[in-house]
Each structure stands twice: as structure tokens, then as C-alpha cells.
Amino acid sequence: MRLSELINGLPVMFTKGDMGIEVKGITKDSRKVKEGYIFFSTDKSEKYIEDAAGKGAVAVVADREPSKPFQCSVVVKDPRETLGQVASRFYGLPSEKLTTIGITGTNGKTTTSYLIESILKSSDRKAGLIGTISYRYDGRTIKAENTTPGAEELHGLLHDMCAANMEFVVMEVSSHALDQKRVEGINFDTAILTNLTHDHLDYHGDFEHYREAKRLFFKHYLPQSMKDDKYAILNMDDPYMNEFIPDVPVKTFYYSLSKNTHAYLSGYRENINGLRLECSLMGEKFSITSPMTGIFNASNILAASLFGYTAKIPRENIVAGIEALEGVPGRLERVKNTKGISVFIDYAHTPDALKKVLEMLCRLKPGRLIVVFGCGGDRDTAKRPIMGNIASRLADFSIITTDNPRSEDPAGIIGAIIKGFEGNSYKVVENRKDAIFEGLRMSKDNDVLLIAGKGHEDYQIVGHEVFHFSDREVVEEFFNVAH
């Protein structure tokens, strides 16, 4: 494709060189530049521009004229924004050929995406999935580097899904991705809000900036989509919900665990083994039996049900798809055993997520509730004593350990967690494997053990090294050794 076709109609400040040159690839990573590529300079470093020129880039897109000569240079106000638009064109406008569903929120994105994928499967619709755990389509699984990939990777992935005849793509849309304009150039059909609580303040600085990043999805990206029918699906139980209602004509639907709206619960029963829900969807009542534990999962189920309605999927397929999903890796994932313990692995790494999962397990526990958890290093430090306080109030016993300490001293992180504790029903076991083993040894018949913080992750970051580490594998090892 010619450079002139890629930038035609975009807000370009000025160009230099022959815009008729053929472009063979696009990237913002100078390490990935090949002959014939366009390099997008998304920071102020001249070094990366020089690296790209040395590797054969034929053009550069930047917010200033580069000192290094290229065959072509394009100066724009915002290279990140231009990258998404150009990537969409380069890969053949793939989001226009897919029904594109985006899910944002602090908690529940992954579970909601899996529920929607299962609903689509139940109605024999071909769907791809992009999220925290993996990118999946047509029997292929790619390990996720980011919840939402960079713009060029994302549009390339959508192109590959189109080539594999996918009809739908369900993607998690993170606050980082919205702030960094990774979803620029994507035409969304549906935007879903799960909730909004304290998270990623190490990146955003404060809650207001975090909230503003999330609002971009509903106030900017969904409204500017070229799709004919656009839907917003919002959680009426979230106190910030009103701030997310799109300003332009978009069909907006609401769900709630208690309020009479488009999708809501009219009754439920729960125990440590799952849920029995009585639901109302657009005025029609039906029942759902789910093996997923926790009434908060009912909120994700209602959001997915509303998507099914907007996609004109029959109610029986919506129900079948929800009931077929046994669980999500690392999202209150049950590890079966013969010891009579309910062992769960959960990604809860924020105060709100930990509070919700512990409140639920505390309510349902047939015996004691024991939690193993830590906090990540080089991340939001304010949440550490808050999470310690939550654990001390809701669990019968806590084992405080490491998460991903990164460059921080694990003992310092643990000390900050302990500052929030009420009472002394805890012990410190710094090594995470030893801590999980200790929790399993302590647990008896009918006890509930929650291993929180890392969920689906299969690594641990200590210093600048990354080691293989899986909470699930550690639990399985314990039971294999025990037998």
C-alpha cells in the first residue's frame, strides 16, 4: 500500500518526500523495523529514529521533523493517534468486518469476555478473544503480553481473525490502552462497563485520571465508531455509571443485581459450589445454574446476557453458553482435591477485588477462611495497608507473602501490608511457594483457602529476572506430594 493512501485525510501538519512510495510494514518499535517500513516515533528520542533509519525504514511519522533524513517524513500532532488510524488502513480496516465488542472496568473484564465467547460458541458463531490471559481464535492461542495489544499488533491480530473467518471479536480494553490510544482506528459495535474502583494509580497518578481514561471508551471511541448499530452496556450498580453514558445516539442498556432494569436478578441461591440465578432479560424471566462461585459473577453474567440480546442470540443459547463455562483461569479458579478443602486461585490484586472475593467466601465458608496474598513491587504503594486491613477483617487467618516484588525489598512490601492489619491472625512466609504449602497444610476438611494476587500468571518477577511460577502448579504439586 502506498504511503499517500495510508495518510490520506488524516490530520497531517506537513509532509516531505515522495508520498507515493510502497509501504511494507509499520511499527513504533525500532527493534522491529525492516526494509520498507514506516517508523512511528511515539516519544522524544532521536536515538530510535536513527535506529529505524539504519534498519531501512523508508518513512518516519513524528511530531517534529527528524534530524535524520528519510525518503519521506510525515509530521503530525499525535503519532500514537495516527498509528492506530494507519494500522487500520494497512491491515484492511479489519474491525469494520467484525462485530467488535470491547469490555472495560476494574474487575470482571476477563470473566465477562469468557462468558460472551461461550455464548457465541453455543450459537455456533465464530469468535476471537483478546484479553489478559491470551489471544485466541480458530483453535489458536497466543500468550498475552498486554491485556490490550499495541495498535499495530492489535489491527494485525484483527486482520488475522478476519482471514480465519471470525465473525466476532471480544476484547478487554484496559485503561492503559485507552490512555495510550492503542484502540485508535477500531470501529466498535458494543462497549461494556463492568465497574470502576481503585487500580493502576501508579500509572494514572490519581483516581480522576484513571476514571477519565475509562470514560474515553464511551465518550470518544464508541461515539466515533462508523458502525450503524452501536450499543453501550452499563452496570447500574456502579456509582460512576452516569458519567459513562454516551453523549451521542447510542443504544444504551443497563444491568443490576437489584434494580429493575434491562437485565437484573429477581432471585438467587449461592453456595461454595456455584450459583442458581433467577434472571430477567428485557422483561423475560429465566433461570441459570452456573458452577462459578460468587454472586458478583452474576453481574458479569447479566452483562453477557445483555450482549446476547443485542446480538439477537436466542435466549436458550444465552443460557446454554453461560452454563457451559465452568470457570476462567485465575478468576476464582477452583483446584479440585481429595482433601475436602475448597481451594481457589484468584487474580484479586486490588483492595476492591480482594474485599469482594473475601466477603463472598466468608459468607459461604463451611469452615475457616484462610488467605495467602502479597502485593506487587514498583506499583501502587497506597493499596498495601488497605489490603492488609481487608484481609485481617474478613479472613480467619492470613499468610502474607510475596507477589511480584520486582526491584523492591519483599520485606518492605510485607511490612507495609502488616501496617494495615487489625489483630495478629497472620503469619509471614516470604517465599510464595512455601506460603502456599503452609496454607494447604493448615487447611482442614471444609476449610476454604484463597490464594490471591497472581491468578493466571505463570511467572514471578524478582529484581529484573522473570521466573516460571504458577500458583495452580504449586497447589497441584502439594497434593501430588501429599499422596
Protein backbone atom coordinates (compact mmCIF):
# COMPACT_ATOMS: atom_id res chain seq x y z
CA MET A 1 0.00 0.00 0.00
CA ARG A 2 1.24 3.49 -0.82
CA LEU A 3 2.05 5.96 1.92
CA SER A 4 -0.30 8.50 0.35
CA GLU A 5 -3.21 6.06 0.76
CA LEU A 6 -2.33 5.42 4.40
CA ILE A 7 -2.31 9.08 5.42
CA ASN A 8 -4.97 10.47 3.08
CA GLY A 9 -7.49 12.57 5.01
CA LEU A 10 -5.66 12.27 8.35
CA PRO A 11 -4.73 15.44 10.30
CA VAL A 12 -1.19 15.77 8.90
CA MET A 13 0.71 19.00 9.60
CA PHE A 14 3.13 18.63 6.69
CA THR A 15 4.97 16.02 4.62
CA LYS A 16 8.34 15.81 2.94
CA GLY A 17 9.41 13.41 0.20
CA ASP A 18 7.60 11.12 -2.24
CA MET A 19 4.28 10.06 -0.67
CA GLY A 20 3.80 7.52 -3.45
CA ILE A 21 6.31 5.04 -2.02
CA GLU A 22 5.17 1.50 -1.19
CA VAL A 23 4.98 0.61 2.49
CA LYS A 24 5.82 -2.96 3.55
CA GLY A 25 5.13 -2.67 7.29
CA ILE A 26 4.52 -0.33 10.20
CA THR A 27 5.85 -0.24 13.75
CA LYS A 28 6.59 2.05 16.68
CA ASP A 29 9.34 -0.30 17.92
CA SER A 30 12.68 0.49 16.28
CA ARG A 31 13.83 -3.07 17.02
CA LYS A 32 11.15 -4.43 14.67
CA VAL A 33 11.91 -2.14 11.73
CA LYS A 34 12.65 -3.85 8.39
CA GLU A 35 13.32 -2.59 4.88
CA GLY A 36 10.36 -0.62 3.57
CA TYR A 37 8.72 0.04 6.95
CA ILE A 38 7.21 3.22 8.35
CA PHE A 39 8.54 4.03 11.80
CA PHE A 40 6.24 5.88 14.21
CA SER A 41 8.17 7.95 16.73
CA THR A 42 5.93 8.00 19.81
CA ASP A 43 8.43 9.61 22.19
CA LYS A 44 11.05 12.35 22.03
CA SER A 45 14.07 10.09 21.49
CA GLU A 46 16.15 10.77 18.37
CA LYS A 47 18.05 7.53 19.03
CA TYR A 48 15.12 5.34 18.00
CA ILE A 49 14.62 7.40 14.84
CA GLU A 50 18.31 6.88 13.97
CA ASP A 51 17.98 3.14 14.69
CA ALA A 52 14.94 2.93 12.39
CA ALA A 53 16.75 4.76 9.60
CA GLY A 54 19.71 2.42 9.93
CA LYS A 55 17.44 -0.62 9.56
CA GLY A 56 15.88 0.57 6.31
CA ALA A 57 12.74 2.46 7.32
CA VAL A 58 11.53 4.42 4.29
CA ALA A 59 9.44 6.89 6.24
CA VAL A 60 9.03 8.30 9.72
CA VAL A 61 5.91 9.71 11.35
CA ALA A 62 6.71 12.05 14.23
CA ASP A 63 5.54 15.22 15.96
CA ARG A 64 8.57 17.09 14.58
CA GLU A 65 10.77 16.94 11.51
CA PRO A 66 13.51 14.38 12.19
CA SER A 67 17.17 15.38 12.05
CA LYS A 68 17.96 12.10 10.26
CA PRO A 69 16.98 12.14 6.55
CA PHE A 70 14.36 9.62 5.35
CA GLN A 71 12.85 9.09 1.92
CA CYS A 72 9.67 10.50 3.45
CA SER A 73 8.75 12.21 6.69
CA VAL A 74 5.27 12.94 7.99
CA VAL A 75 4.74 15.40 10.83
CA VAL A 76 1.56 15.06 12.87
CA LYS A 77 0.34 16.41 16.19
CA ASP A 78 -0.08 12.96 17.79
CA PRO A 79 1.87 10.00 16.33
CA ARG A 80 0.06 7.50 18.61
CA GLU A 81 -3.32 8.54 17.25
CA THR A 82 -2.05 8.44 13.68
CA LEU A 83 -0.52 5.00 14.24
CA GLY A 84 -3.90 3.45 15.04
CA GLN A 85 -5.56 5.04 12.01
CA VAL A 86 -2.74 4.00 9.67
CA ALA A 87 -2.61 0.47 11.13
CA SER A 88 -6.33 0.04 10.49
CA ARG A 89 -5.87 1.03 6.83
CA PHE A 90 -2.70 -1.01 6.39
CA TYR A 91 -4.47 -4.17 7.58
CA GLY A 92 -7.60 -3.57 5.51
CA LEU A 93 -9.96 -1.99 8.08
CA PRO A 94 -10.47 -5.31 9.91
CA SER A 95 -12.72 -4.02 12.70
CA GLU A 96 -15.29 -2.98 10.09
CA LYS A 97 -15.58 -6.64 9.02
CA LEU A 98 -16.04 -7.97 12.57
CA THR A 99 -18.67 -7.42 15.23
CA THR A 100 -16.32 -5.82 17.76
CA ILE A 101 -17.15 -5.94 21.47
CA GLY A 102 -14.98 -4.09 23.99
CA ILE A 103 -15.15 -4.55 27.76
CA THR A 104 -13.62 -2.12 30.24
CA GLY A 105 -13.72 -1.76 34.02
CA THR A 106 -11.54 -2.54 37.01
CA ASN A 107 -12.80 -6.05 37.71
CA GLY A 108 -14.79 -8.58 35.71
CA LYS A 109 -13.43 -7.87 32.22
CA THR A 110 -11.90 -11.30 31.69
CA THR A 111 -14.84 -13.26 33.09
CA THR A 112 -17.34 -11.25 31.04
CA SER A 113 -15.28 -11.81 27.88
CA TYR A 114 -15.20 -15.59 28.51
CA LEU A 115 -18.95 -15.63 29.10
CA ILE A 116 -19.61 -13.79 25.83
CA GLU A 117 -17.24 -16.12 23.98
CA SER A 118 -19.11 -19.11 25.44
CA ILE A 119 -22.49 -17.63 24.44
CA LEU A 120 -21.25 -17.15 20.87
CA LYS A 121 -19.92 -20.71 20.77
CA SER A 122 -23.29 -22.02 21.96
CA SER A 123 -24.93 -20.41 18.93
CA ASP A 124 -22.22 -21.68 16.52
CA ARG A 125 -20.82 -18.20 15.89
CA LYS A 126 -17.10 -17.88 15.23
CA ALA A 127 -15.41 -15.59 17.73
CA GLY A 128 -11.93 -14.41 18.61
CA LEU A 129 -10.91 -13.23 22.07
CA ILE A 130 -8.26 -10.69 23.10
CA GLY A 131 -7.53 -10.26 26.79
CA THR A 132 -5.35 -10.54 29.85
CA ILE A 133 -4.81 -14.29 29.69
CA SER A 134 -4.41 -14.92 25.95
CA TYR A 135 -5.42 -14.01 22.42
CA ARG A 136 -7.50 -16.83 20.90
CA TYR A 137 -9.20 -17.59 17.59
CA ASP A 138 -9.76 -20.52 15.25
CA GLY A 139 -8.15 -23.02 17.63
CA ARG A 140 -5.02 -20.89 18.05
CA THR A 141 -3.82 -19.47 21.38
CA ILE A 142 -1.23 -16.71 21.71
CA LYS A 143 0.06 -15.80 25.16
CA ALA A 144 -0.94 -12.24 26.01
CA GLU A 145 1.84 -9.71 26.59
CA ASN A 146 -0.66 -6.95 27.37
CA THR A 147 -4.37 -7.04 28.15
CA THR A 148 -4.86 -4.90 25.04
CA PRO A 149 -2.00 -5.12 22.48
CA GLY A 150 -0.35 -2.10 20.86
CA ALA A 151 -2.18 -0.55 17.91
CA GLU A 152 -0.15 -2.19 15.14
CA GLU A 153 -0.29 -5.62 16.82
CA LEU A 154 -4.00 -5.22 17.56
CA HIS A 155 -5.01 -4.36 13.99
CA GLY A 156 -2.75 -7.16 12.70
CA LEU A 157 -4.49 -9.59 15.04
CA LEU A 158 -7.92 -8.43 13.87
CA HIS A 159 -6.75 -8.89 10.26
CA ASP A 160 -5.72 -12.47 11.03
CA MET A 161 -9.10 -13.12 12.67
CA CYS A 162 -10.86 -11.85 9.55
CA ALA A 163 -8.68 -14.13 7.41
CA ALA A 164 -9.75 -17.05 9.66
CA ASN A 165 -13.43 -16.15 9.03
CA MET A 166 -14.19 -14.97 12.54
CA GLU A 167 -17.49 -13.10 12.83
CA PHE A 168 -16.99 -11.56 16.29
CA VAL A 169 -14.09 -10.38 18.40
CA VAL A 170 -14.41 -9.87 22.15
CA MET A 171 -11.65 -7.76 23.67
CA GLU A 172 -10.70 -6.42 27.05
CA VAL A 173 -9.92 -2.71 26.84
CA SER A 174 -7.56 -1.57 29.58
CA SER A 175 -7.14 1.93 30.97
CA HIS A 176 -3.53 1.90 29.74
CA ALA A 177 -4.72 1.07 26.22
CA LEU A 178 -7.25 3.89 26.25
CA ASP A 179 -4.76 6.41 27.60
CA GLN A 180 -2.09 5.32 25.09
CA LYS A 181 -4.55 5.28 22.16
CA ARG A 182 -3.95 1.60 21.37
CA VAL A 183 -7.58 1.18 20.23
CA GLU A 184 -7.41 4.12 17.82
CA GLY A 185 -8.85 3.17 14.43
CA ILE A 186 -11.11 0.42 15.80
CA ASN A 187 -14.80 0.65 14.99
CA PHE A 188 -16.61 -0.82 18.00
CA ASP A 189 -20.13 -2.21 17.93
CA THR A 190 -20.51 -2.63 21.69
CA ALA A 191 -18.84 -1.14 24.76
CA ILE A 192 -19.41 -2.75 28.18
CA LEU A 193 -18.62 -1.24 31.59
CA THR A 194 -18.18 -3.70 34.47
CA ASN A 195 -17.26 -1.36 37.37
CA LEU A 196 -14.79 1.28 38.46
CA THR A 197 -12.68 1.04 41.60
CA HIS A 198 -9.13 1.79 42.84
CA ASP A 199 -6.46 0.42 40.43
CA HIS A 200 -3.42 1.38 38.35
CA LEU A 201 -2.86 4.63 40.24
CA ASP A 202 0.90 4.05 39.90
CA TYR A 203 0.37 4.76 36.19
CA HIS A 204 -2.52 7.24 36.16
CA GLY A 205 -1.46 9.23 39.23
CA ASP A 206 -4.91 9.53 40.79
CA PHE A 207 -8.39 8.09 40.54
CA GLU A 208 -9.71 11.02 38.47
CA HIS A 209 -7.20 10.40 35.67
CA TYR A 210 -7.91 6.66 35.81
CA ARG A 211 -11.64 7.34 35.51
CA GLU A 212 -11.07 9.76 32.63
CA ALA A 213 -9.11 7.10 30.74
CA LYS A 214 -12.00 4.65 31.11
CA ARG A 215 -14.54 7.29 30.07
CA LEU A 216 -12.74 7.73 26.74
CA PHE A 217 -14.19 4.40 25.64
CA PHE A 218 -17.78 5.63 25.95
CA LYS A 219 -17.27 9.34 25.28
CA HIS A 220 -14.84 9.08 22.37
CA TYR A 221 -14.14 5.67 20.86
CA LEU A 222 -17.69 4.27 20.78
CA PRO A 223 -19.30 7.52 19.52
CA GLN A 224 -16.75 7.90 16.71
CA SER A 225 -17.24 4.31 15.51
CA MET A 226 -18.55 4.02 11.95
CA LYS A 227 -20.84 1.09 12.80
CA ASP A 228 -24.56 1.54 12.09
CA ASP A 229 -25.82 -0.02 15.34
CA LYS A 230 -23.82 0.78 18.46
CA TYR A 231 -24.54 -0.37 22.00
CA ALA A 232 -23.38 0.67 25.45
CA ILE A 233 -23.98 -1.85 28.26
CA LEU A 234 -23.54 -0.25 31.68
CA ASN A 235 -23.54 -1.52 35.26
CA MET A 236 -26.26 0.43 37.07
CA ASP A 237 -24.83 -0.68 40.43
CA ASP A 238 -21.63 1.30 39.85
CA PRO A 239 -21.72 4.76 41.47
CA TYR A 240 -19.92 6.33 38.49
CA MET A 241 -22.22 4.82 35.87
CA ASN A 242 -23.87 8.12 34.87
CA GLU A 243 -20.50 9.51 33.80
CA PHE A 244 -20.19 6.79 31.15
CA ILE A 245 -23.47 7.28 29.30
CA PRO A 246 -22.55 8.20 25.70
CA ASP A 247 -23.46 11.73 24.60
CA VAL A 248 -24.43 10.77 21.03
CA PRO A 249 -27.18 8.43 19.84
CA VAL A 250 -26.07 5.01 21.09
CA LYS A 251 -28.48 2.33 22.28
CA THR A 252 -27.73 2.08 25.98
CA PHE A 253 -28.72 -0.86 28.18
CA TYR A 254 -28.32 -1.31 31.93
CA TYR A 255 -27.90 -4.27 34.25
CA SER A 256 -28.13 -4.58 38.01
CA LEU A 257 -28.08 -7.11 40.82
CA SER A 258 -31.03 -5.40 42.49
CA LYS A 259 -32.65 -2.66 40.39
CA ASN A 260 -35.45 -3.37 37.93
CA THR A 261 -33.81 -2.56 34.59
CA HIS A 262 -33.00 -4.22 31.23
CA ALA A 263 -31.24 -7.17 32.91
CA TYR A 264 -31.45 -7.87 36.63
CA LEU A 265 -31.64 -10.58 39.28
CA SER A 266 -35.07 -11.43 40.66
CA GLY A 267 -33.66 -14.08 42.99
CA TYR A 268 -30.62 -16.25 43.63
CA ARG A 269 -29.09 -19.00 45.71
CA GLU A 270 -25.39 -19.47 46.19
CA ASN A 271 -23.04 -21.84 47.95
CA ILE A 272 -19.37 -22.67 47.76
CA ASN A 273 -20.05 -24.87 44.70
CA GLY A 274 -21.86 -22.38 42.45
CA LEU A 275 -24.87 -20.20 41.66
CA ARG A 276 -28.57 -20.62 40.92
CA LEU A 277 -29.88 -17.38 39.41
CA GLU A 278 -33.36 -16.17 38.57
CA CYS A 279 -32.87 -13.51 35.90
CA SER A 280 -34.93 -11.03 33.95
CA LEU A 281 -33.71 -10.05 30.49
CA MET A 282 -35.75 -7.41 28.67
CA GLY A 283 -38.81 -8.41 30.70
CA GLU A 284 -38.46 -12.20 30.20
CA LYS A 285 -37.68 -14.43 33.20
CA PHE A 286 -35.33 -17.43 33.08
CA SER A 287 -33.07 -19.48 35.35
CA ILE A 288 -29.33 -20.09 35.17
CA THR A 289 -27.24 -22.65 37.04
CA SER A 290 -23.55 -21.77 36.99
CA PRO A 291 -20.58 -23.59 38.51
CA MET A 292 -18.89 -20.22 39.06
CA THR A 293 -18.72 -19.21 42.71
CA GLY A 294 -19.67 -15.74 43.94
CA ILE A 295 -22.72 -13.56 43.49
CA PHE A 296 -20.52 -10.84 41.95
CA ASN A 297 -20.21 -13.18 38.97
CA ALA A 298 -23.96 -12.67 38.49
CA SER A 299 -23.12 -9.11 37.43
CA ASN A 300 -20.81 -10.43 34.71
CA ILE A 301 -23.49 -12.93 33.67
CA LEU A 302 -26.08 -10.17 33.32
CA ALA A 303 -23.72 -8.05 31.21
CA ALA A 304 -23.02 -11.02 28.93
CA SER A 305 -26.76 -11.76 28.70
CA LEU A 306 -27.45 -8.22 27.52
CA PHE A 307 -24.78 -8.60 24.87
CA GLY A 308 -26.52 -11.79 23.73
CA TYR A 309 -29.76 -9.84 23.41
CA THR A 310 -28.15 -7.07 21.33
CA ALA A 311 -26.57 -9.73 19.08
CA LYS A 312 -30.02 -11.34 18.59
CA ILE A 313 -28.87 -14.65 20.05
CA PRO A 314 -31.78 -16.86 21.18
CA ARG A 315 -32.31 -16.95 24.94
CA GLU A 316 -31.74 -20.72 25.10
CA ASN A 317 -28.29 -20.23 23.57
CA ILE A 318 -27.50 -17.42 26.00
CA VAL A 319 -28.38 -19.70 28.92
CA ALA A 320 -26.52 -22.69 27.44
CA GLY A 321 -23.39 -20.62 26.85
CA ILE A 322 -23.37 -19.23 30.41
CA GLU A 323 -23.96 -22.63 31.99
CA ALA A 324 -21.24 -24.25 29.86
CA LEU A 325 -18.50 -22.02 31.27
CA GLU A 326 -17.01 -23.83 34.27
CA GLY A 327 -14.66 -21.01 35.14
CA VAL A 328 -11.89 -18.71 33.99
CA PRO A 329 -8.19 -19.36 34.64
CA GLY A 330 -7.12 -17.44 37.72
CA ARG A 331 -10.57 -15.91 38.31
CA LEU A 332 -11.79 -17.67 41.45
CA GLU A 333 -10.48 -20.81 39.79
CA ARG A 334 -11.21 -23.94 41.78
CA VAL A 335 -8.44 -26.52 42.17
CA LYS A 336 -10.02 -29.90 42.81
CA ASN A 337 -8.57 -32.12 45.51
CA THR A 338 -9.49 -35.08 47.69
CA LYS A 339 -8.72 -33.38 51.00
CA GLY A 340 -12.14 -31.72 51.30
CA ILE A 341 -10.70 -28.20 51.00
CA SER A 342 -12.19 -25.59 48.71
CA VAL A 343 -9.03 -24.17 47.12
CA PHE A 344 -9.42 -21.09 44.92
CA ILE A 345 -6.85 -19.15 42.89
CA ASP A 346 -7.85 -15.59 42.13
CA TYR A 347 -6.29 -12.59 40.42
CA ALA A 348 -7.58 -10.22 43.14
CA HIS A 349 -4.73 -7.70 43.44
CA THR A 350 -6.69 -4.56 44.27
CA PRO A 351 -8.43 -3.63 47.51
CA ASP A 352 -11.89 -3.81 45.94
CA ALA A 353 -11.28 -7.18 44.29
CA LEU A 354 -9.82 -8.70 47.48
CA LYS A 355 -12.67 -7.30 49.57
CA LYS A 356 -15.33 -8.68 47.25
CA VAL A 357 -13.88 -12.16 46.99
CA LEU A 358 -13.21 -12.43 50.74
CA GLU A 359 -16.69 -11.15 51.63
CA MET A 360 -18.23 -13.75 49.36
CA LEU A 361 -16.08 -16.63 50.64
CA CYS A 362 -16.63 -15.52 54.24
CA ARG A 363 -20.39 -15.72 53.65
CA LEU A 364 -20.22 -19.17 52.05
CA LYS A 365 -17.42 -20.87 54.00
CA PRO A 366 -18.44 -24.11 55.72
CA GLY A 367 -15.27 -23.96 57.87
CA ARG A 368 -12.43 -21.43 58.23
CA LEU A 369 -11.32 -18.96 55.56
CA ILE A 370 -7.55 -18.73 55.04
CA VAL A 371 -5.96 -16.33 52.55
CA VAL A 372 -2.46 -16.28 51.05
CA PHE A 373 -1.58 -12.97 49.40
CA GLY A 374 1.01 -10.25 48.84
CA CYS A 375 1.36 -7.03 46.82
CA GLY A 376 3.45 -6.30 43.75
CA GLY A 377 6.58 -4.19 43.91
CA ASP A 378 7.14 -0.97 41.92
CA ARG A 379 3.37 -0.49 41.81
CA ASP A 380 0.68 1.38 43.75
CA THR A 381 2.03 1.51 47.31
CA ALA A 382 -1.11 3.07 48.85
CA LYS A 383 -3.12 -0.11 48.50
CA ARG A 384 -0.81 -2.29 50.63
CA PRO A 385 -2.06 -1.41 54.16
CA ILE A 386 -5.62 -1.20 52.79
CA MET A 387 -5.42 -4.79 51.54
CA GLY A 388 -3.84 -5.86 54.84
CA ASN A 389 -6.75 -4.34 56.73
CA ILE A 390 -9.30 -6.03 54.48
CA ALA A 391 -7.66 -9.44 54.96
CA SER A 392 -7.44 -9.01 58.73
CA ARG A 393 -11.16 -8.20 58.99
CA LEU A 394 -12.56 -10.81 56.61
CA ALA A 395 -10.29 -13.87 56.74
CA ASP A 396 -9.89 -16.14 59.74
CA PHE A 397 -6.17 -16.31 59.08
CA SER A 398 -3.78 -14.65 56.61
CA ILE A 399 -0.43 -15.76 55.26
CA ILE A 400 1.42 -12.72 53.90
CA THR A 401 3.93 -13.45 51.18
CA THR A 402 5.50 -12.05 48.01
CA ASP A 403 3.70 -11.36 44.75
CA ASN A 404 5.99 -9.89 42.06
CA PRO A 405 8.45 -7.91 44.22
CA ARG A 406 10.33 -6.59 41.18
CA SER A 407 13.05 -4.19 42.32
CA GLU A 408 11.65 -3.67 45.83
CA ASP A 409 12.68 -5.46 49.00
CA PRO A 410 9.95 -8.08 49.69
CA ALA A 411 10.25 -7.48 53.42
CA GLY A 412 9.43 -3.81 52.93
CA ILE A 413 6.31 -4.62 50.91
CA ILE A 414 5.17 -7.14 53.52
CA GLY A 415 5.83 -4.60 56.29
CA ALA A 416 3.55 -2.09 54.54
CA ILE A 417 0.78 -4.71 54.31
CA ILE A 418 1.12 -5.54 58.02
CA LYS A 419 0.65 -1.86 58.96
CA GLY A 420 -3.00 -2.19 57.95
CA PHE A 421 -3.68 -5.34 59.99
CA GLU A 422 -6.06 -5.43 62.92
CA GLY A 423 -5.07 -8.14 65.40
CA ASN A 424 -2.41 -10.79 64.88
CA SER A 425 -4.20 -13.59 62.99
CA TYR A 426 -1.45 -13.78 60.39
CA LYS A 427 2.00 -15.09 59.70
CA VAL A 428 4.68 -14.05 57.24
CA VAL A 429 6.12 -16.62 54.84
CA GLU A 430 8.16 -14.63 52.35
CA ASN A 431 8.72 -17.41 49.78
CA ARG A 432 5.45 -17.71 47.84
CA LYS A 433 5.68 -21.46 47.24
CA ASP A 434 6.35 -22.07 50.94
CA ALA A 435 3.43 -19.79 51.81
CA ILE A 436 1.02 -21.73 49.59
CA PHE A 437 2.25 -25.02 51.04
CA GLU A 438 1.76 -23.61 54.55
CA GLY A 439 -1.81 -22.57 53.69
CA LEU A 440 -2.57 -26.04 52.33
CA ARG A 441 -1.04 -27.73 55.39
CA MET A 442 -3.12 -25.54 57.71
CA SER A 443 -6.37 -26.19 55.86
CA LYS A 444 -8.68 -28.92 57.07
CA ASP A 445 -11.86 -30.53 55.81
CA ASN A 446 -14.49 -27.85 54.96
CA ASP A 447 -11.97 -25.01 55.10
CA VAL A 448 -11.68 -22.52 52.25
CA LEU A 449 -8.22 -21.45 51.05
CA LEU A 450 -7.89 -18.41 48.79
CA ILE A 451 -4.57 -17.82 47.02
CA ALA A 452 -4.84 -14.25 45.76
CA GLY A 453 -2.96 -11.79 43.60
CA LYS A 454 -1.42 -13.64 40.67
CA GLY A 455 -4.30 -15.67 39.27
CA HIS A 456 -3.50 -16.96 35.78
CA GLU A 457 0.09 -15.62 35.77
CA ASP A 458 2.75 -18.29 35.28
CA TYR A 459 5.74 -16.19 36.30
CA GLN A 460 7.21 -14.24 39.19
CA ILE A 461 9.35 -11.12 38.77
CA VAL A 462 12.16 -10.81 41.30
CA GLY A 463 14.57 -7.96 40.69
CA HIS A 464 14.93 -7.80 36.93
CA GLU A 465 14.56 -11.56 36.43
CA VAL A 466 11.43 -13.43 35.45
CA PHE A 467 11.00 -16.95 36.84
CA HIS A 468 8.38 -19.55 35.95
CA PHE A 469 5.84 -19.67 38.77
CA SER A 470 2.22 -20.82 38.77
CA ASP A 471 0.02 -20.83 41.88
CA ARG A 472 -2.04 -23.64 40.34
CA GLU A 473 1.03 -25.79 39.68
CA VAL A 474 2.23 -25.27 43.26
CA VAL A 475 -1.15 -26.46 44.61
CA GLU A 476 -1.12 -29.49 42.31
CA GLU A 477 2.44 -30.28 43.36
CA PHE A 478 1.42 -30.20 47.02
CA PHE A 479 -1.38 -32.68 46.51
CA ASN A 480 0.76 -34.96 44.35
CA VAL A 481 3.48 -34.96 47.03
CA ALA A 482 0.87 -35.41 49.74
CA HIS A 483 -0.35 -38.59 48.06
